[in-house]
Amino acid sequence: MLKPNHRIGLFMERAFEDQTGKMGLGVLRYSENPIVCMIDSANAGFDGRILSGVDRECAVVATVDDAKALGVEVLVLGIAPPGGLVPSDWWPALDRAVEIGMSLVNGLHDKLGPRYPRLAKDQFVWDVRTEPAEIGVGTAAARLLPGRRVLMVGTDMSVGKMTAGLEIVKSAKAEGIDTAFVATGQTGIVVSGDGVPLDAVRLDYASGAIESEVCKYHESKLIVIEGQGSLLHPGSSATLPLMRGSCPTHLILCHRAGMTELPKIEWIKVPPLSELVRLLESLASACGTYPSARVVGIALNTGHLDDAEAKETVNQMEIELGLPVCDPVRSGAGKLLEAVMA
């Protein structure tokens, strides 16, 4: 539905206020589509680079009408809040966007298609979180694929699993390596144009859906699978179907520097990463039932640190864990790619 030349506006109302704008920021950083503007009435006129922290020019306007005047054709709902529902005060703006001819890309659980059944010829509504058709139960078929399969895993939600995965793909393609990216969340699917919205798939079919998607790339030398959730988070059930569906050969652990507890569930402490590494590797192989998968590197989110602090933290973690560590946004993912391909 989304074509490469479609001009995008990111609807980010209050997203910077309550820190729910992961979807919009991911699209802003990685989409190859022209990103015309962000819509956020509280920050209209502000420098989009400073507001977002993404080095890409992007105006900030107050309304969808302002966005339309700049040439926006497709409005992307830019938030990924807990529960994944459309905020009730967004409906007037979305109704207005459709009225003035915009298409909608929606990564939330609320479906917009039924609300807008009558669209103009060139308009569309893409409800990204829709279970794929013709999926079945997993069979671990991916274990037979000849290529390397890298699953991104994390210590929490929103620690950079998609970001690190896309940076590894970018580095691999720059090296001429035949590489595929399997998106498993709303942002990755919108950026790459394909994938499995794992949290919209019934649990019985979750590993089968991932398996089917991974096996599409059976000729690729390297397959990077976007991670979701975390084994540590009580609200996440994503890690096991991702492991069983992809039968990974390698794991990259994603972590936020300095995080010792889950930000919104403080009683859950992050264990020593060396212990978590052993748990992930043991779970991936299930006592040798499945192919072994080693954690070969750490993708460290250091966005809240200055350059000197980030460098010191990376160096210290490499010494402690004996693994390659880098912030792929800050310094590129070459070190992680090298560990995967070694």
C-alpha atoms as a PDB file:
ATOM      1  CA  MET A   1       0.000   0.000   0.000  1.00  0.00           C
ATOM      2  CA  LEU A   2       2.728   2.457   0.940  1.00  0.00           C
ATOM      3  CA  LYS A   3       4.700   3.404  -2.165  1.00  0.00           C
ATOM      4  CA  PRO A   4       8.295   4.713  -2.027  1.00  0.00           C
ATOM      5  CA  ASN A   5       7.259   8.129  -3.334  1.00  0.00           C
ATOM      6  CA  HIS A   6       4.381   8.691  -0.903  1.00  0.00           C
ATOM      7  CA  ARG A   7       4.957  11.864   1.114  1.00  0.00           C
ATOM      8  CA  ILE A   8       4.533  11.078   4.808  1.00  0.00           C
ATOM      9  CA  GLY A   9       3.384  13.089   7.793  1.00  0.00           C
ATOM     10  CA  LEU A  10       3.929  11.661  11.284  1.00  0.00           C
ATOM     11  CA  PHE A  11       1.053  12.263  13.689  1.00  0.00           C
ATOM     12  CA  MET A  12       2.882  12.760  17.005  1.00  0.00           C
ATOM     13  CA  GLU A  13       0.397  14.674  19.158  1.00  0.00           C
ATOM     14  CA  ARG A  14       1.735  14.476  22.772  1.00  0.00           C
ATOM     15  CA  ALA A  15       4.173  11.724  21.758  1.00  0.00           C
ATOM     16  CA  PHE A  16       7.155  13.703  23.065  1.00  0.00           C
ATOM     17  CA  GLU A  17       5.318  14.570  26.245  1.00  0.00           C
ATOM     18  CA  ASP A  18       4.574  10.992  27.279  1.00  0.00           C
ATOM     19  CA  GLN A  19       7.483   9.289  25.449  1.00  0.00           C
ATOM     20  CA  THR A  20       5.291   7.051  23.281  1.00  0.00           C
ATOM     21  CA  GLY A  21       6.611   8.172  19.884  1.00  0.00           C
ATOM     22  CA  LYS A  22       8.700   5.085  19.082  1.00  0.00           C
ATOM     23  CA  MET A  23       6.782   4.379  15.868  1.00  0.00           C
ATOM     24  CA  GLY A  24       7.204   7.874  14.468  1.00  0.00           C
ATOM     25  CA  LEU A  25      10.851   8.169  15.434  1.00  0.00           C
ATOM     26  CA  GLY A  26      11.655   4.802  13.857  1.00  0.00           C
ATOM     27  CA  VAL A  27       9.965   5.793  10.608  1.00  0.00           C
ATOM     28  CA  LEU A  28      11.725   9.168  10.692  1.00  0.00           C
ATOM     29  CA  ARG A  29      15.119   7.528  11.152  1.00  0.00           C
ATOM     30  CA  TYR A  30      14.810   4.629   8.698  1.00  0.00           C
ATOM     31  CA  SER A  31      12.042   5.122   6.150  1.00  0.00           C
ATOM     32  CA  GLU A  32      13.161   5.842   2.601  1.00  0.00           C
ATOM     33  CA  ASN A  33       9.915   7.732   1.965  1.00  0.00           C
ATOM     34  CA  PRO A  34       9.972  11.531   2.004  1.00  0.00           C
ATOM     35  CA  ILE A  35       9.039  12.605   5.567  1.00  0.00           C
ATOM     36  CA  VAL A  36       7.438  16.021   5.184  1.00  0.00           C
ATOM     37  CA  CYS A  37       6.581  16.881   8.776  1.00  0.00           C
ATOM     38  CA  MET A  38       5.545  15.834  12.251  1.00  0.00           C
ATOM     39  CA  ILE A  39       2.181  17.000  13.616  1.00  0.00           C
ATOM     40  CA  ASP A  40       2.341  18.017  17.275  1.00  0.00           C
ATOM     41  CA  SER A  41       0.457  21.140  18.338  1.00  0.00           C
ATOM     42  CA  ALA A  42       2.544  21.613  21.488  1.00  0.00           C
ATOM     43  CA  ASN A  43       5.793  21.828  19.519  1.00  0.00           C
ATOM     44  CA  ALA A  44       4.696  23.440  16.235  1.00  0.00           C
ATOM     45  CA  GLY A  45       7.484  25.507  14.714  1.00  0.00           C
ATOM     46  CA  PHE A  46      10.187  23.794  16.750  1.00  0.00           C
ATOM     47  CA  ASP A  47      13.334  22.389  15.115  1.00  0.00           C
ATOM     48  CA  GLY A  48      12.415  18.805  14.221  1.00  0.00           C
ATOM     49  CA  ARG A  49      16.015  17.586  14.485  1.00  0.00           C
ATOM     50  CA  ILE A  50      16.346  18.830  18.053  1.00  0.00           C
ATOM     51  CA  LEU A  51      12.871  17.641  19.041  1.00  0.00           C
ATOM     52  CA  SER A  52      13.308  14.116  17.684  1.00  0.00           C
ATOM     53  CA  GLY A  53      17.030  13.591  18.143  1.00  0.00           C
ATOM     54  CA  VAL A  54      17.095  12.168  14.595  1.00  0.00           C
ATOM     55  CA  ASP A  55      19.442  13.828  12.122  1.00  0.00           C
ATOM     56  CA  ARG A  56      16.853  14.352   9.410  1.00  0.00           C
ATOM     57  CA  GLU A  57      15.213  17.602   8.434  1.00  0.00           C
ATOM     58  CA  CYS A  58      11.529  17.553   9.325  1.00  0.00           C
ATOM     59  CA  ALA A  59       9.145  20.437   9.977  1.00  0.00           C
ATOM     60  CA  VAL A  60       6.840  20.400  13.012  1.00  0.00           C
ATOM     61  CA  VAL A  61       3.298  21.689  12.400  1.00  0.00           C
ATOM     62  CA  ALA A  62       0.173  22.027  14.508  1.00  0.00           C
ATOM     63  CA  THR A  63      -2.605  20.362  12.488  1.00  0.00           C
ATOM     64  CA  VAL A  64      -3.294  17.860   9.731  1.00  0.00           C
ATOM     65  CA  ASP A  65      -4.469  20.778   7.570  1.00  0.00           C
ATOM     66  CA  ASP A  66      -1.018  22.347   7.958  1.00  0.00           C
ATOM     67  CA  ALA A  67       0.489  19.021   6.933  1.00  0.00           C
ATOM     68  CA  LYS A  68      -1.773  18.792   3.897  1.00  0.00           C
ATOM     69  CA  ALA A  69      -0.676  22.277   2.836  1.00  0.00           C
ATOM     70  CA  LEU A  70       2.925  21.000   2.819  1.00  0.00           C
ATOM     71  CA  GLY A  71       1.975  18.126   0.515  1.00  0.00           C
ATOM     72  CA  VAL A  72       1.492  15.222   2.933  1.00  0.00           C
ATOM     73  CA  GLU A  73      -0.306  12.301   1.269  1.00  0.00           C
ATOM     74  CA  VAL A  74      -0.076   9.630   3.976  1.00  0.00           C
ATOM     75  CA  LEU A  75      -0.526  10.156   7.701  1.00  0.00           C
ATOM     76  CA  VAL A  76       1.364   7.663   9.875  1.00  0.00           C
ATOM     77  CA  LEU A  77       0.165   7.289  13.461  1.00  0.00           C
ATOM     78  CA  GLY A  78       3.457   7.772  15.230  1.00  0.00           C
ATOM     79  CA  ILE A  79       2.877   6.327  18.685  1.00  0.00           C
ATOM     80  CA  ALA A  80       3.305   2.907  20.257  1.00  0.00           C
ATOM     81  CA  PRO A  81       1.655   3.252  23.690  1.00  0.00           C
ATOM     82  CA  PRO A  82       1.100   0.417  26.173  1.00  0.00           C
ATOM     83  CA  GLY A  83      -2.051  -1.400  25.085  1.00  0.00           C
ATOM     84  CA  GLY A  84      -1.799  -0.064  21.544  1.00  0.00           C
ATOM     85  CA  LEU A  85      -5.094   1.860  21.384  1.00  0.00           C
ATOM     86  CA  VAL A  86      -5.863   5.092  19.535  1.00  0.00           C
ATOM     87  CA  PRO A  87      -6.131   7.976  22.053  1.00  0.00           C
ATOM     88  CA  SER A  88      -9.746   9.137  22.196  1.00  0.00           C
ATOM     89  CA  ASP A  89      -8.848  12.763  21.473  1.00  0.00           C
ATOM     90  CA  TRP A  90      -7.106  11.781  18.216  1.00  0.00           C
ATOM     91  CA  TRP A  91     -10.292  10.821  16.394  1.00  0.00           C
ATOM     92  CA  PRO A  92     -11.254  14.333  15.203  1.00  0.00           C
ATOM     93  CA  ALA A  93      -7.815  14.824  13.646  1.00  0.00           C
ATOM     94  CA  LEU A  94      -7.882  11.391  11.965  1.00  0.00           C
ATOM     95  CA  ASP A  95     -11.394  12.020  10.646  1.00  0.00           C
ATOM     96  CA  ARG A  96     -10.227  15.351   9.274  1.00  0.00           C
ATOM     97  CA  ALA A  97      -7.157  13.777   7.648  1.00  0.00           C
ATOM     98  CA  VAL A  98      -9.340  11.303   5.743  1.00  0.00           C
ATOM     99  CA  GLU A  99     -11.791  14.079   4.847  1.00  0.00           C
ATOM    100  CA  ILE A 100      -9.048  16.146   3.180  1.00  0.00           C
ATOM    101  CA  GLY A 101      -7.753  13.181   1.194  1.00  0.00           C
ATOM    102  CA  MET A 102      -4.967  11.652   3.267  1.00  0.00           C
ATOM    103  CA  SER A 103      -4.347   7.928   3.548  1.00  0.00           C
ATOM    104  CA  LEU A 104      -3.629   6.398   6.966  1.00  0.00           C
ATOM    105  CA  VAL A 105      -0.980   3.983   8.212  1.00  0.00           C
ATOM    106  CA  ASN A 106      -1.988   2.613  11.580  1.00  0.00           C
ATOM    107  CA  GLY A 107       0.208   0.419  13.757  1.00  0.00           C
ATOM    108  CA  LEU A 108      -2.144   0.323  16.735  1.00  0.00           C
ATOM    109  CA  HIS A 109      -4.513  -2.470  17.735  1.00  0.00           C
ATOM    110  CA  ASP A 110      -7.614  -0.366  17.003  1.00  0.00           C
ATOM    111  CA  LYS A 111      -8.561  -1.041  13.385  1.00  0.00           C
ATOM    112  CA  LEU A 112      -9.229   2.053  11.263  1.00  0.00           C
ATOM    113  CA  GLY A 113     -10.427   0.302   8.096  1.00  0.00           C
ATOM    114  CA  PRO A 114     -13.963  -0.284   9.390  1.00  0.00           C
ATOM    115  CA  ARG A 115     -14.244   3.362  10.452  1.00  0.00           C
ATOM    116  CA  TYR A 116     -13.401   4.628   6.969  1.00  0.00           C
ATOM    117  CA  PRO A 117     -15.069   2.238   4.507  1.00  0.00           C
ATOM    118  CA  ARG A 118     -15.597   4.865   1.798  1.00  0.00           C
ATOM    119  CA  LEU A 119     -12.363   6.316   0.503  1.00  0.00           C
ATOM    120  CA  ALA A 120     -11.367   8.158  -2.632  1.00  0.00           C
ATOM    121  CA  LYS A 121      -9.746   6.157  -5.420  1.00  0.00           C
ATOM    122  CA  ASP A 122      -6.145   6.809  -4.346  1.00  0.00           C
ATOM    123  CA  GLN A 123      -6.755   6.691  -0.590  1.00  0.00           C
ATOM    124  CA  PHE A 124      -6.058   3.671   1.617  1.00  0.00           C
ATOM    125  CA  VAL A 125      -5.992   2.613   5.250  1.00  0.00           C
ATOM    126  CA  TRP A 126      -3.206   0.209   6.222  1.00  0.00           C
ATOM    127  CA  ASP A 127      -3.906  -1.469   9.558  1.00  0.00           C
ATOM    128  CA  VAL A 128      -0.465  -2.932  10.138  1.00  0.00           C
ATOM    129  CA  ARG A 129      -1.369  -5.079  13.133  1.00  0.00           C
ATOM    130  CA  THR A 130      -3.390  -7.632  11.189  1.00  0.00           C
ATOM    131  CA  GLU A 131      -2.766 -11.358  11.499  1.00  0.00           C
ATOM    132  CA  PRO A 132      -1.359 -12.819   8.251  1.00  0.00           C
ATOM    133  CA  ALA A 133      -3.507 -15.252   6.316  1.00  0.00           C
ATOM    134  CA  GLU A 134      -2.732 -18.955   5.912  1.00  0.00           C
ATOM    135  CA  ILE A 135      -0.422 -19.394   8.889  1.00  0.00           C
ATOM    136  CA  GLY A 136       0.014 -22.661  10.722  1.00  0.00           C
ATOM    137  CA  VAL A 137       1.734 -24.224  13.698  1.00  0.00           C
ATOM    138  CA  GLY A 138       5.521 -24.028  13.841  1.00  0.00           C
ATOM    139  CA  THR A 139       7.666 -27.023  12.896  1.00  0.00           C
ATOM    140  CA  ALA A 140      11.190 -25.575  13.399  1.00  0.00           C
ATOM    141  CA  ALA A 141      11.719 -25.740   9.625  1.00  0.00           C
ATOM    142  CA  ALA A 142      14.046 -22.729   9.789  1.00  0.00           C
ATOM    143  CA  ARG A 143      16.709 -24.921  11.393  1.00  0.00           C
ATOM    144  CA  LEU A 144      17.454 -26.329   7.923  1.00  0.00           C
ATOM    145  CA  LEU A 145      18.198 -22.983   6.272  1.00  0.00           C
ATOM    146  CA  PRO A 146      21.840 -22.605   5.236  1.00  0.00           C
ATOM    147  CA  GLY A 147      22.178 -18.911   6.124  1.00  0.00           C
ATOM    148  CA  ARG A 148      22.996 -17.294   9.447  1.00  0.00           C
ATOM    149  CA  ARG A 149      19.958 -16.245  11.449  1.00  0.00           C
ATOM    150  CA  VAL A 150      20.454 -13.447  13.959  1.00  0.00           C
ATOM    151  CA  LEU A 151      17.714 -12.838  16.513  1.00  0.00           C
ATOM    152  CA  MET A 152      17.706  -9.556  18.393  1.00  0.00           C
ATOM    153  CA  VAL A 153      16.825 -10.037  22.073  1.00  0.00           C
ATOM    154  CA  GLY A 154      16.593  -7.466  24.850  1.00  0.00           C
ATOM    155  CA  THR A 155      16.536  -6.713  28.551  1.00  0.00           C
ATOM    156  CA  ASP A 156      13.302  -4.713  28.172  1.00  0.00           C
ATOM    157  CA  MET A 157      10.775  -3.328  25.743  1.00  0.00           C
ATOM    158  CA  SER A 158      11.990  -0.386  23.639  1.00  0.00           C
ATOM    159  CA  VAL A 159      15.719  -0.777  24.195  1.00  0.00           C
ATOM    160  CA  GLY A 160      16.640  -0.680  20.499  1.00  0.00           C
ATOM    161  CA  LYS A 161      16.139  -4.198  19.128  1.00  0.00           C
ATOM    162  CA  MET A 162      14.684  -2.998  15.816  1.00  0.00           C
ATOM    163  CA  THR A 163      17.207  -0.182  15.563  1.00  0.00           C
ATOM    164  CA  ALA A 164      20.176  -2.447  16.160  1.00  0.00           C
ATOM    165  CA  GLY A 165      18.821  -4.998  13.694  1.00  0.00           C
ATOM    166  CA  LEU A 166      18.363  -2.418  10.955  1.00  0.00           C
ATOM    167  CA  GLU A 167      21.861  -1.058  11.591  1.00  0.00           C
ATOM    168  CA  ILE A 168      23.308  -4.565  11.219  1.00  0.00           C
ATOM    169  CA  VAL A 169      21.397  -4.962   7.947  1.00  0.00           C
ATOM    170  CA  LYS A 170      22.726  -1.608   6.730  1.00  0.00           C
ATOM    171  CA  SER A 171      26.308  -2.606   7.560  1.00  0.00           C
ATOM    172  CA  ALA A 172      25.891  -6.012   5.934  1.00  0.00           C
ATOM    173  CA  LYS A 173      24.507  -4.583   2.713  1.00  0.00           C
ATOM    174  CA  ALA A 174      27.352  -2.075   2.605  1.00  0.00           C
ATOM    175  CA  GLU A 175      29.691  -5.083   2.717  1.00  0.00           C
ATOM    176  CA  GLY A 176      27.832  -6.719  -0.164  1.00  0.00           C
ATOM    177  CA  ILE A 177      26.357  -9.495   1.999  1.00  0.00           C
ATOM    178  CA  ASP A 178      23.015 -10.876   0.795  1.00  0.00           C
ATOM    179  CA  THR A 179      20.898  -9.902   3.805  1.00  0.00           C
ATOM    180  CA  ALA A 180      17.198 -10.002   4.710  1.00  0.00           C
ATOM    181  CA  PHE A 181      15.389  -8.257   7.550  1.00  0.00           C
ATOM    182  CA  VAL A 182      12.376  -9.971   9.119  1.00  0.00           C
ATOM    183  CA  ALA A 183      10.233  -7.282  10.726  1.00  0.00           C
ATOM    184  CA  THR A 184       8.040  -8.420  13.604  1.00  0.00           C
ATOM    185  CA  GLY A 185       6.603  -5.120  14.870  1.00  0.00           C
ATOM    186  CA  GLN A 186       4.650  -2.196  13.505  1.00  0.00           C
ATOM    187  CA  THR A 187       7.590   0.147  12.914  1.00  0.00           C
ATOM    188  CA  GLY A 188       9.813  -2.430  11.268  1.00  0.00           C
ATOM    189  CA  ILE A 189       6.985  -3.509   8.969  1.00  0.00           C
ATOM    190  CA  VAL A 190       6.243   0.057   7.865  1.00  0.00           C
ATOM    191  CA  VAL A 191       9.938   0.776   7.274  1.00  0.00           C
ATOM    192  CA  SER A 192      10.682  -2.469   5.414  1.00  0.00           C
ATOM    193  CA  GLY A 193       7.277  -2.919   3.766  1.00  0.00           C
ATOM    194  CA  ASP A 194       6.787  -6.506   4.927  1.00  0.00           C
ATOM    195  CA  GLY A 195       6.862  -8.734   7.996  1.00  0.00           C
ATOM    196  CA  VAL A 196       4.766 -10.335  10.739  1.00  0.00           C
ATOM    197  CA  PRO A 197       3.010  -8.199  13.394  1.00  0.00           C
ATOM    198  CA  LEU A 198       3.750 -10.736  16.104  1.00  0.00           C
ATOM    199  CA  ASP A 199       1.523  -9.216  18.768  1.00  0.00           C
ATOM    200  CA  ALA A 200      -1.484  -9.532  16.439  1.00  0.00           C
ATOM    201  CA  VAL A 201      -0.965 -13.271  15.874  1.00  0.00           C
ATOM    202  CA  ARG A 202      -2.803 -15.868  17.970  1.00  0.00           C
ATOM    203  CA  LEU A 203      -0.330 -17.577  20.262  1.00  0.00           C
ATOM    204  CA  ASP A 204      -0.837 -21.045  18.742  1.00  0.00           C
ATOM    205  CA  TYR A 205       0.370 -19.724  15.395  1.00  0.00           C
ATOM    206  CA  ALA A 206       3.027 -17.249  16.559  1.00  0.00           C
ATOM    207  CA  SER A 207       6.091 -19.433  15.958  1.00  0.00           C
ATOM    208  CA  GLY A 208       4.589 -20.722  12.703  1.00  0.00           C
ATOM    209  CA  ALA A 209       4.083 -17.174  11.429  1.00  0.00           C
ATOM    210  CA  ILE A 210       7.698 -16.273  12.198  1.00  0.00           C
ATOM    211  CA  GLU A 211       8.913 -19.547  10.665  1.00  0.00           C
ATOM    212  CA  SER A 212       7.009 -18.881   7.457  1.00  0.00           C
ATOM    213  CA  GLU A 213       8.418 -15.367   7.174  1.00  0.00           C
ATOM    214  CA  VAL A 214      12.001 -16.444   7.891  1.00  0.00           C
ATOM    215  CA  CYS A 215      11.810 -19.298   5.377  1.00  0.00           C
ATOM    216  CA  LYS A 216      10.852 -16.839   2.629  1.00  0.00           C
ATOM    217  CA  TYR A 217      14.496 -15.771   2.686  1.00  0.00           C
ATOM    218  CA  HIS A 218      15.967 -19.264   2.366  1.00  0.00           C
ATOM    219  CA  GLU A 219      18.539 -18.075  -0.175  1.00  0.00           C
ATOM    220  CA  SER A 220      19.863 -15.206   1.948  1.00  0.00           C
ATOM    221  CA  LYS A 221      23.287 -15.550   3.496  1.00  0.00           C
ATOM    222  CA  LEU A 222      22.211 -13.522   6.532  1.00  0.00           C
ATOM    223  CA  ILE A 223      18.733 -13.103   8.034  1.00  0.00           C
ATOM    224  CA  VAL A 224      18.229 -10.563  10.818  1.00  0.00           C
ATOM    225  CA  ILE A 225      15.076 -11.107  12.865  1.00  0.00           C
ATOM    226  CA  GLU A 226      13.659  -8.124  14.730  1.00  0.00           C
ATOM    227  CA  GLY A 227      13.124  -8.884  18.412  1.00  0.00           C
ATOM    228  CA  GLN A 228      10.093  -8.062  20.542  1.00  0.00           C
ATOM    229  CA  GLY A 229       9.622  -7.722  24.278  1.00  0.00           C
ATOM    230  CA  SER A 230      11.902  -9.347  26.814  1.00  0.00           C
ATOM    231  CA  LEU A 231      12.097 -12.500  28.905  1.00  0.00           C
ATOM    232  CA  LEU A 232      12.362 -10.215  31.942  1.00  0.00           C
ATOM    233  CA  HIS A 233       9.121  -8.337  31.307  1.00  0.00           C
ATOM    234  CA  PRO A 234       5.945  -9.831  32.811  1.00  0.00           C
ATOM    235  CA  GLY A 235       3.828  -8.478  29.973  1.00  0.00           C
ATOM    236  CA  SER A 236       5.855 -10.093  27.187  1.00  0.00           C
ATOM    237  CA  SER A 237       5.403 -13.536  25.631  1.00  0.00           C
ATOM    238  CA  ALA A 238       7.345 -12.873  22.418  1.00  0.00           C
ATOM    239  CA  THR A 239      10.807 -14.344  22.955  1.00  0.00           C
ATOM    240  CA  LEU A 240       9.943 -18.046  22.766  1.00  0.00           C
ATOM    241  CA  PRO A 241       7.947 -17.952  19.481  1.00  0.00           C
ATOM    242  CA  LEU A 242      10.698 -15.815  17.967  1.00  0.00           C
ATOM    243  CA  MET A 243      13.310 -18.359  18.988  1.00  0.00           C
ATOM    244  CA  ARG A 244      11.321 -21.386  17.855  1.00  0.00           C
ATOM    245  CA  GLY A 245      10.166 -19.755  14.645  1.00  0.00           C
ATOM    246  CA  SER A 246      13.588 -18.535  13.533  1.00  0.00           C
ATOM    247  CA  CYS A 247      15.836 -21.237  15.065  1.00  0.00           C
ATOM    248  CA  PRO A 248      18.569 -18.623  15.412  1.00  0.00           C
ATOM    249  CA  THR A 249      22.232 -19.346  14.949  1.00  0.00           C
ATOM    250  CA  HIS A 250      23.276 -16.098  16.665  1.00  0.00           C
ATOM    251  CA  LEU A 251      21.803 -13.730  19.250  1.00  0.00           C
ATOM    252  CA  ILE A 252      22.485 -10.037  19.805  1.00  0.00           C
ATOM    253  CA  LEU A 253      21.522  -8.780  23.263  1.00  0.00           C
ATOM    254  CA  CYS A 254      20.171  -5.230  23.347  1.00  0.00           C
ATOM    255  CA  HIS A 255      20.396  -3.210  26.569  1.00  0.00           C
ATOM    256  CA  ARG A 256      20.087   0.382  27.786  1.00  0.00           C
ATOM    257  CA  ALA A 257      23.278   1.565  29.451  1.00  0.00           C
ATOM    258  CA  GLY A 258      22.941   1.854  33.214  1.00  0.00           C
ATOM    259  CA  MET A 259      19.517   0.213  33.404  1.00  0.00           C
ATOM    260  CA  THR A 260      19.369  -1.871  36.587  1.00  0.00           C
ATOM    261  CA  GLU A 261      15.590  -2.261  36.806  1.00  0.00           C
ATOM    262  CA  LEU A 262      12.652  -2.046  34.404  1.00  0.00           C
ATOM    263  CA  PRO A 263      11.667   1.655  34.265  1.00  0.00           C
ATOM    264  CA  LYS A 264       7.943   1.151  34.801  1.00  0.00           C
ATOM    265  CA  ILE A 265       8.165  -2.000  36.964  1.00  0.00           C
ATOM    266  CA  GLU A 266      10.928  -1.100  39.390  1.00  0.00           C
ATOM    267  CA  TRP A 267      10.710  -4.270  41.443  1.00  0.00           C
ATOM    268  CA  ILE A 268      11.992  -6.263  38.459  1.00  0.00           C
ATOM    269  CA  LYS A 269      15.770  -6.007  38.607  1.00  0.00           C
ATOM    270  CA  VAL A 270      17.951  -6.618  35.564  1.00  0.00           C
ATOM    271  CA  PRO A 271      20.230  -9.564  36.412  1.00  0.00           C
ATOM    272  CA  PRO A 272      23.929  -9.529  35.573  1.00  0.00           C
ATOM    273  CA  LEU A 273      24.109  -9.633  31.789  1.00  0.00           C
ATOM    274  CA  SER A 274      26.454 -12.630  31.905  1.00  0.00           C
ATOM    275  CA  GLU A 275      23.701 -14.621  33.615  1.00  0.00           C
ATOM    276  CA  LEU A 276      21.095 -13.448  31.126  1.00  0.00           C
ATOM    277  CA  VAL A 277      23.392 -14.463  28.260  1.00  0.00           C
ATOM    278  CA  ARG A 278      23.581 -18.003  29.642  1.00  0.00           C
ATOM    279  CA  LEU A 279      19.793 -18.129  30.076  1.00  0.00           C
ATOM    280  CA  LEU A 280      19.139 -16.983  26.504  1.00  0.00           C
ATOM    281  CA  GLU A 281      21.573 -19.471  25.027  1.00  0.00           C
ATOM    282  CA  SER A 282      20.155 -22.316  27.107  1.00  0.00           C
ATOM    283  CA  LEU A 283      16.573 -21.443  26.180  1.00  0.00           C
ATOM    284  CA  ALA A 284      17.436 -21.166  22.472  1.00  0.00           C
ATOM    285  CA  SER A 285      18.879 -24.681  22.351  1.00  0.00           C
ATOM    286  CA  ALA A 286      16.508 -26.286  24.919  1.00  0.00           C
ATOM    287  CA  CYS A 287      19.151 -28.735  26.143  1.00  0.00           C
ATOM    288  CA  GLY A 288      20.330 -29.406  22.599  1.00  0.00           C
ATOM    289  CA  THR A 289      16.905 -30.092  21.118  1.00  0.00           C
ATOM    290  CA  TYR A 290      17.342 -27.108  18.773  1.00  0.00           C
ATOM    291  CA  PRO A 291      20.471 -25.717  17.102  1.00  0.00           C
ATOM    292  CA  SER A 292      22.689 -23.865  19.548  1.00  0.00           C
ATOM    293  CA  ALA A 293      22.682 -20.075  19.349  1.00  0.00           C
ATOM    294  CA  ARG A 294      25.390 -17.958  20.937  1.00  0.00           C
ATOM    295  CA  VAL A 295      25.132 -14.371  22.115  1.00  0.00           C
ATOM    296  CA  VAL A 296      27.938 -12.876  20.033  1.00  0.00           C
ATOM    297  CA  GLY A 297      27.581  -9.185  20.886  1.00  0.00           C
ATOM    298  CA  ILE A 298      25.830  -6.478  22.876  1.00  0.00           C
ATOM    299  CA  ALA A 299      23.971  -3.573  21.235  1.00  0.00           C
ATOM    300  CA  LEU A 300      24.120  -0.887  23.916  1.00  0.00           C
ATOM    301  CA  ASN A 301      21.706   2.046  23.846  1.00  0.00           C
ATOM    302  CA  THR A 302      23.768   5.038  25.062  1.00  0.00           C
ATOM    303  CA  GLY A 303      21.511   7.801  23.762  1.00  0.00           C
ATOM    304  CA  HIS A 304      21.257   9.375  27.247  1.00  0.00           C
ATOM    305  CA  LEU A 305      25.064   9.556  27.706  1.00  0.00           C
ATOM    306  CA  ASP A 306      27.610  12.002  26.322  1.00  0.00           C
ATOM    307  CA  ASP A 307      30.390  10.733  24.053  1.00  0.00           C
ATOM    308  CA  ALA A 308      32.956  10.231  26.816  1.00  0.00           C
ATOM    309  CA  GLU A 309      30.507   8.432  29.095  1.00  0.00           C
ATOM    310  CA  ALA A 310      29.339   6.211  26.242  1.00  0.00           C
ATOM    311  CA  LYS A 311      32.881   5.235  25.271  1.00  0.00           C
ATOM    312  CA  GLU A 312      33.814   4.418  28.879  1.00  0.00           C
ATOM    313  CA  THR A 313      30.636   2.359  29.395  1.00  0.00           C
ATOM    314  CA  VAL A 314      31.207   0.377  26.188  1.00  0.00           C
ATOM    315  CA  ASN A 315      34.836  -0.350  27.072  1.00  0.00           C
ATOM    316  CA  GLN A 316      33.943  -1.437  30.610  1.00  0.00           C
ATOM    317  CA  MET A 317      31.186  -3.762  29.413  1.00  0.00           C
ATOM    318  CA  GLU A 318      33.474  -5.392  26.842  1.00  0.00           C
ATOM    319  CA  ILE A 319      35.972  -6.171  29.592  1.00  0.00           C
ATOM    320  CA  GLU A 320      33.285  -7.520  31.933  1.00  0.00           C
ATOM    321  CA  LEU A 321      31.517  -9.728  29.373  1.00  0.00           C
ATOM    322  CA  GLY A 322      34.298 -10.618  26.950  1.00  0.00           C
ATOM    323  CA  LEU A 323      31.972  -9.772  24.062  1.00  0.00           C
ATOM    324  CA  PRO A 324      31.943  -7.048  21.404  1.00  0.00           C
ATOM    325  CA  VAL A 325      29.849  -4.080  22.560  1.00  0.00           C
ATOM    326  CA  CYS A 326      28.780  -1.001  20.616  1.00  0.00           C
ATOM    327  CA  ASP A 327      26.022   1.542  20.249  1.00  0.00           C
ATOM    328  CA  PRO A 328      25.020   0.900  16.615  1.00  0.00           C
ATOM    329  CA  VAL A 329      23.398   4.329  16.224  1.00  0.00           C
ATOM    330  CA  ARG A 330      26.416   6.154  17.596  1.00  0.00           C
ATOM    331  CA  SER A 331      29.202   4.167  15.963  1.00  0.00           C
ATOM    332  CA  GLY A 332      27.589   1.852  13.419  1.00  0.00           C
ATOM    333  CA  ALA A 333      27.040  -1.883  13.703  1.00  0.00           C
ATOM    334  CA  GLY A 334      30.243  -3.047  12.024  1.00  0.00           C
ATOM    335  CA  LYS A 335      31.557  -4.615  15.232  1.00  0.00           C
ATOM    336  CA  LEU A 336      28.353  -6.651  15.674  1.00  0.00           C
ATOM    337  CA  LEU A 337      28.315  -7.718  12.029  1.00  0.00           C
ATOM    338  CA  GLU A 338      31.910  -8.872  12.297  1.00  0.00           C
ATOM    339  CA  ALA A 339      31.011 -10.997  15.327  1.00  0.00           C
ATOM    340  CA  VAL A 340      28.072 -12.562  13.487  1.00  0.00           C
ATOM    341  CA  MET A 341      30.065 -13.356  10.363  1.00  0.00           C
ATOM    342  CA  ALA A 342      33.213 -14.573  12.162  1.00  0.00           C
END
